[in-house]
Protein backbone atom coordinates (compact mmCIF):
# COMPACT_ATOMS: atom_id res chain seq x y z
CA MET A 1 0.05 -0.28 0.15
CA ALA A 2 2.90 2.29 0.57
CA ALA A 3 3.74 2.10 -3.10
CA ASN A 4 0.13 3.71 -3.68
CA LEU A 5 0.12 6.89 -0.81
CA LEU A 6 -0.62 10.28 -2.57
CA LEU A 7 2.54 12.70 -2.77
CA GLU A 8 2.48 16.49 -2.73
CA GLU A 9 2.73 16.27 -6.79
CA ASP A 10 -0.18 14.03 -7.78
CA VAL A 11 -2.50 16.23 -6.00
CA PRO A 12 -3.60 19.61 -7.24
CA GLY A 13 -2.49 22.52 -4.37
CA SER A 14 -1.88 20.00 -1.83
CA LYS A 15 1.58 21.38 -1.80
CA PHE A 16 2.50 25.55 -0.60
CA VAL A 17 3.55 27.62 -3.03
CA HIS A 18 5.47 30.51 -0.84
CA ALA A 19 7.91 29.93 1.69
CA SER A 20 5.90 31.02 4.19
CA VAL A 21 1.73 30.06 5.16
CA GLU A 22 0.70 33.83 5.62
CA GLU A 23 1.99 34.25 2.08
CA HIS A 24 -0.75 31.76 0.59
CA THR A 25 -4.04 33.39 -0.89
CA ASN A 26 -7.73 31.91 1.53
CA ILE A 27 -8.35 29.55 -1.57
CA GLN A 28 -4.63 28.57 -1.46
CA LEU A 29 -5.26 27.46 2.10
CA LYS A 30 -8.61 25.79 1.76
CA ARG A 31 -7.70 23.68 -0.68
CA TRP A 32 -4.40 22.81 1.52
CA LEU A 33 -6.13 21.73 4.19
CA LYS A 34 -8.93 19.73 2.12
CA CYS A 35 -6.57 17.52 0.40
CA ARG A 36 -5.36 16.50 3.96
CA GLY A 37 -9.18 16.09 4.91
CA LEU A 38 -8.67 19.41 7.52
CA PRO A 39 -11.74 21.65 7.97
CA THR A 40 -11.51 24.66 6.07
CA SER A 41 -14.33 26.34 7.66
CA GLY A 42 -13.39 29.79 9.50
CA LYS A 43 -11.32 32.92 9.11
CA ARG A 44 -8.10 33.54 7.79
CA PRO A 45 -6.19 33.56 11.27
CA ASP A 46 -7.57 30.08 11.91
CA LEU A 47 -7.22 28.71 8.54
CA ILE A 48 -3.23 29.86 8.69
CA GLU A 49 -2.94 28.05 12.43
CA ARG A 50 -4.26 25.15 11.43
CA CYS A 51 -2.25 24.89 8.06
CA GLN A 52 0.34 25.44 10.29
CA ASN A 53 -0.29 23.04 12.94
CA ALA A 54 -0.59 20.09 10.04
CA VAL A 55 2.83 21.38 8.48
CA ASN A 56 4.42 20.73 12.32
CA ASN A 57 2.31 17.41 12.79
CA ASN A 58 3.35 16.12 9.38
CA VAL A 59 -0.31 15.23 7.93
CA LYS A 60 -0.33 13.36 4.97
CA ILE A 61 -2.40 13.96 2.11
CA ASP A 62 -5.62 12.33 2.91
CA LEU A 63 -6.40 9.21 0.00
CA LYS A 64 -9.73 10.03 -0.39
CA VAL A 65 -8.97 13.49 -1.31
CA ASP A 66 -11.29 14.63 -4.23
CA ASP A 67 -13.41 11.27 -3.60
CA GLY A 68 -10.16 9.11 -4.47
CA LYS A 69 -9.50 9.96 -8.08
CA TRP A 70 -6.13 11.17 -7.69
CA LEU A 71 -5.53 7.85 -5.65
CA ASN A 72 -7.10 5.74 -8.95
CA LEU A 73 -5.34 7.78 -11.30
CA LYS A 74 -2.43 7.03 -9.71
CA LYS A 75 -2.93 3.13 -9.63
CA ASN A 76 -3.52 3.50 -13.30
CA PRO A 77 -2.03 6.02 -14.78
CA THR A 78 -3.16 7.73 -18.43
CA PRO A 79 -0.86 9.06 -21.27
CA ALA A 80 -0.13 12.96 -20.88
CA GLU A 81 -2.21 15.24 -23.95
CA SER A 82 -0.02 15.87 -26.22
CA GLN A 83 -2.33 18.17 -28.43
CA VAL A 84 -5.68 20.24 -28.02
CA PRO A 85 -7.95 19.36 -30.39
CA TYR A 86 -10.03 21.85 -32.07
CA VAL A 87 -13.64 22.37 -30.91
CA PRO A 88 -16.28 20.22 -33.01
CA ILE A 89 -18.75 22.14 -34.92
CA GLN A 90 -21.59 19.80 -34.82
CA GLY A 91 -23.10 17.03 -32.96
CA TRP A 92 -23.79 18.99 -30.07
CA LYS A 93 -26.52 18.01 -27.79
CA LYS A 94 -28.47 18.86 -24.70
CA PHE A 95 -26.34 18.46 -21.63
CA PRO A 96 -26.35 16.04 -20.40
CA SER A 97 -25.89 13.31 -23.93
CA VAL A 98 -22.66 11.68 -23.45
CA SER A 99 -20.32 10.29 -20.53
CA ILE A 100 -18.37 12.91 -18.33
CA PRO A 101 -14.88 11.93 -17.83
CA LYS A 102 -14.84 9.62 -14.58
CA HIS A 103 -11.89 11.29 -13.36
CA PHE A 104 -12.88 14.53 -13.36
CA ASN A 105 -13.02 16.47 -10.35
CA HIS A 106 -12.47 19.88 -8.15
CA GLY A 107 -8.58 19.24 -8.21
CA TYR A 108 -8.39 20.04 -11.75
CA ILE A 109 -10.51 23.00 -11.17
CA TYR A 110 -8.20 24.19 -9.37
CA TYR A 111 -5.05 23.17 -11.18
CA TYR A 112 -6.32 24.56 -13.82
CA LEU A 113 -7.87 28.25 -12.31
CA VAL A 114 -5.11 28.94 -9.85
CA GLU A 115 -1.77 27.03 -10.27
CA SER A 116 -1.45 26.61 -13.69
CA VAL A 117 -1.38 30.89 -14.30
CA ALA A 118 1.09 33.31 -13.03
CA SER A 119 -1.47 36.01 -13.93
CA VAL A 120 -4.49 37.01 -15.67
CA GLU A 121 -4.28 40.10 -17.36
CA CYS A 122 -6.59 42.46 -18.14
CA ASP A 123 -7.72 45.25 -20.53
CA SER A 124 -7.89 48.37 -18.56
CA ASN A 125 -10.18 49.88 -20.72
CA SER A 126 -12.49 47.18 -20.65
CA SER A 127 -15.77 48.29 -19.03
CA ASP A 128 -16.79 44.68 -18.55
CA ASP A 129 -17.72 44.10 -15.31
CA ASP A 130 -16.91 40.87 -14.80
CA CYS A 131 -13.25 41.84 -15.68
CA GLU A 132 -10.20 40.07 -13.74
CA ASP A 133 -6.82 41.50 -12.91
CA ASP A 134 -5.76 39.27 -9.68
CA VAL A 135 -2.26 37.67 -9.80
CA HIS A 136 -3.40 35.26 -8.23
CA THR A 137 -6.81 34.58 -9.45
CA SER A 138 -8.49 34.55 -6.86
CA LYS A 139 -11.64 36.44 -8.36
CA PRO A 140 -11.88 34.42 -11.46
CA PHE A 141 -12.31 31.16 -8.91
CA THR A 142 -14.49 32.87 -6.32
CA LYS A 143 -16.57 34.68 -8.69
CA GLY A 144 -17.20 31.87 -10.81
CA MET A 145 -18.14 29.59 -8.02
CA ASN A 146 -20.99 33.20 -6.98
CA LEU A 147 -21.65 33.14 -10.54
CA PHE A 148 -22.76 29.25 -11.03
CA ARG A 149 -24.49 29.71 -7.29
CA SER A 150 -26.46 32.35 -8.36
CA GLY A 151 -27.54 30.33 -11.52
CA HIS A 152 -25.93 32.20 -14.30
CA VAL A 153 -24.56 28.99 -16.32
CA LYS A 154 -27.43 28.44 -18.96
CA ASN A 155 -28.12 26.57 -22.12
CA ILE A 156 -25.76 23.73 -21.82
CA HIS A 157 -25.11 21.36 -24.10
CA ASP A 158 -22.12 18.66 -24.47
CA VAL A 159 -20.24 16.50 -27.14
CA SER A 160 -17.53 13.96 -26.94
CA CYS A 161 -15.55 13.01 -30.47
CA LYS A 162 -11.77 11.42 -30.59
CA GLY A 163 -11.46 11.07 -26.89
CA HIS A 164 -12.88 14.46 -25.90
CA TYR A 165 -15.33 15.66 -23.81
CA PHE A 166 -16.72 19.01 -25.30
CA VAL A 167 -19.01 21.36 -23.21
CA LYS A 168 -20.26 24.40 -23.85
CA ALA A 169 -22.85 26.82 -22.07
CA SER A 170 -24.19 30.49 -21.53
CA VAL A 171 -23.03 32.46 -18.71
CA LEU A 172 -24.99 35.50 -17.44
CA ALA A 173 -22.63 38.49 -16.67
CA SER A 174 -23.29 39.76 -12.86
CA TYR A 175 -24.83 42.87 -13.05
CA SER A 176 -26.40 42.52 -16.49
CA GLN A 177 -28.62 40.51 -19.21
CA HIS A 178 -25.72 40.22 -21.28
CA SER A 179 -24.45 36.78 -21.36
CA TYR A 180 -21.06 35.05 -22.77
CA ASN A 181 -20.41 31.90 -24.79
CA CYS A 182 -18.11 29.72 -22.88
CA THR A 183 -16.08 26.19 -23.76
CA VAL A 184 -14.35 23.85 -22.58
CA THR A 185 -12.37 20.91 -23.41
CA LEU A 186 -11.60 18.10 -21.45
CA SER A 187 -9.79 14.78 -21.89
CA GLU A 188 -12.21 11.53 -21.55
CA SER A 189 -8.74 9.31 -20.38
CA SER A 190 -7.56 11.65 -17.20
CA GLY A 191 -10.46 14.08 -16.68
CA SER A 192 -8.04 16.83 -17.37
CA ILE A 193 -9.34 20.17 -18.20
CA LEU A 194 -7.22 21.21 -21.71
CA GLU A 195 -8.95 24.59 -22.54
CA GLY A 196 -11.49 26.82 -22.20
CA THR A 197 -12.04 30.03 -24.00
CA CYS A 198 -15.34 32.59 -23.44
CA THR A 199 -16.74 35.73 -25.52
CA CYS A 200 -15.90 38.10 -22.59
CA SER A 201 -12.74 40.18 -22.84
CA ALA A 202 -10.69 38.77 -20.03
CA SER A 203 -11.10 35.42 -21.33
CA GLY A 204 -7.75 35.56 -22.74
CA MET A 205 -6.18 32.79 -21.31
CA GLY A 206 -9.31 31.06 -21.03
CA ARG A 207 -9.62 31.24 -16.91
CA CYS A 208 -12.19 34.13 -16.85
CA SER A 209 -15.23 34.35 -13.91
CA HIS A 210 -17.47 32.72 -16.50
CA VAL A 211 -15.46 29.80 -17.63
CA ALA A 212 -15.14 29.03 -13.96
CA ALA A 213 -18.42 29.63 -13.56
CA LEU A 214 -19.45 26.23 -16.08
CA LEU A 215 -16.35 24.21 -14.74
CA PHE A 216 -18.47 24.37 -11.02
CA ALA A 217 -21.05 23.98 -13.23
CA LEU A 218 -20.14 20.55 -14.09
CA GLU A 219 -18.64 19.63 -11.15
CA ASP A 220 -21.82 19.80 -9.59
CA TYR A 221 -23.70 17.38 -11.60
CA THR A 222 -21.19 14.59 -11.24
CA ILE A 223 -21.40 15.33 -7.40
CA GLU A 224 -25.38 15.19 -7.39
CA PHE A 225 -26.16 12.56 -10.46
CA GLY A 226 -22.02 11.04 -11.08
CA THR A 227 -20.26 11.06 -14.49
CA ASP A 228 -22.65 8.14 -16.53
CA LEU A 229 -26.11 9.64 -18.09
CA PRO A 230 -28.93 9.79 -15.76
CA THR A 231 -31.36 6.75 -15.63
CA CYS A 232 -34.35 9.35 -14.92
CA THR A 233 -35.16 12.74 -15.45
CA ASP A 234 -36.89 13.59 -12.46
CA LYS A 235 -34.40 15.40 -10.42
CA LEU A 236 -32.07 16.38 -13.28
CA LEU A 237 -35.41 19.08 -14.28
CA GLN A 238 -34.61 20.79 -10.98
CA TRP A 239 -31.19 21.18 -11.29
CA ASN A 240 -28.83 24.63 -12.03
CA LYS A 241 -32.11 26.82 -11.68
CA GLY A 242 -31.53 30.34 -10.98
CA ARG A 243 -32.46 33.97 -12.29
CA ARG A 244 -33.85 34.35 -15.45
CA LYS A 245 -33.26 36.76 -17.88
CA LYS A 246 -36.04 39.66 -17.64
CA LYS A 247 -38.42 39.39 -21.05
CA ASN A 248 -41.62 40.13 -21.44
CA PRO A 249 -42.38 39.60 -25.32
CA GLU A 250 -44.71 42.19 -27.02
CA THR A 251 -45.71 44.06 -29.96
CA ILE A 252 -43.79 47.26 -30.45
CA PHE A 253 -46.76 49.62 -30.78
CA ASN A 254 -47.65 48.69 -27.20
CA LYS A 255 -44.23 48.89 -26.17
CA GLU A 256 -43.70 52.18 -23.98
CA TYR A 257 -40.70 53.95 -22.81
CA LYS A 258 -40.34 55.84 -19.74
CA SER A 259 -38.29 59.39 -19.73
CA MET A 260 -35.05 59.48 -18.19
CA LYS A 261 -34.62 63.47 -17.88
CA LYS A 262 -38.64 63.62 -16.47
CA THR A 263 -38.46 60.62 -13.58
CA LEU A 264 -35.32 63.15 -12.65
CA LYS A 265 -36.81 66.15 -13.11
CA ARG A 266 -39.93 64.43 -10.21
CA GLN A 267 -36.89 63.14 -7.88
CA LYS A 268 -35.39 66.14 -7.71
CA LYS A 269 -38.87 68.33 -7.02
CA PRO A 270 -38.79 69.72 -3.79
CA GLN A 271 -41.54 68.72 -0.89
């Protein structure tokens, strides 16, 4: 069994990247604790103290982290991907239409959004309300989770092609009715995230909050239903329900538009 023990190199987020514990973000601290099966609740001082105690006591990585998928991968290694495939044009169906890669898990999301990139650049002239500029990539990770929890991930479709799994969706912006189109590519053999794309201005590296939201939606589905196709759709119909676009279709002749100038003038009128 000793040969199967997980090392820090085997699990994303299980290794500190800075000299001291205090230099890490809360997201990094929580991931490090989760990898060792320790509680992740509490304020920042609590997280730092808990991590420091675990370091002093040489707490090993939990073999069941991310549902034991990293241990399974170590026992049954998969070949590394040499090239990211092109996203298919045809064959897309309403999600879920095919099985999701069985090794896909939260650790891959953490690695893709946090560990694999040093910084996220953002156009300073952009007016996008979801623009990211945090060098630790904590904003895309955190905002992506909030977007998913708010039900902003809509119209999900997927397809499987040539050993790869593709999933796409439209993601509503935080404070407007505008939506962005996102696509994520996974390896069917390892479950690793190969590429993410988005139509927003902050997606130069495919790691914006909208891509993050789609990844968290995919993760939540696997936690709720597993990676195989569901045999019953009753629960699926209630999954991922959230904010909808405010639309009230009617003929243009019946539409009334209020004057903003008159509204402001009435508001300023003394009582």
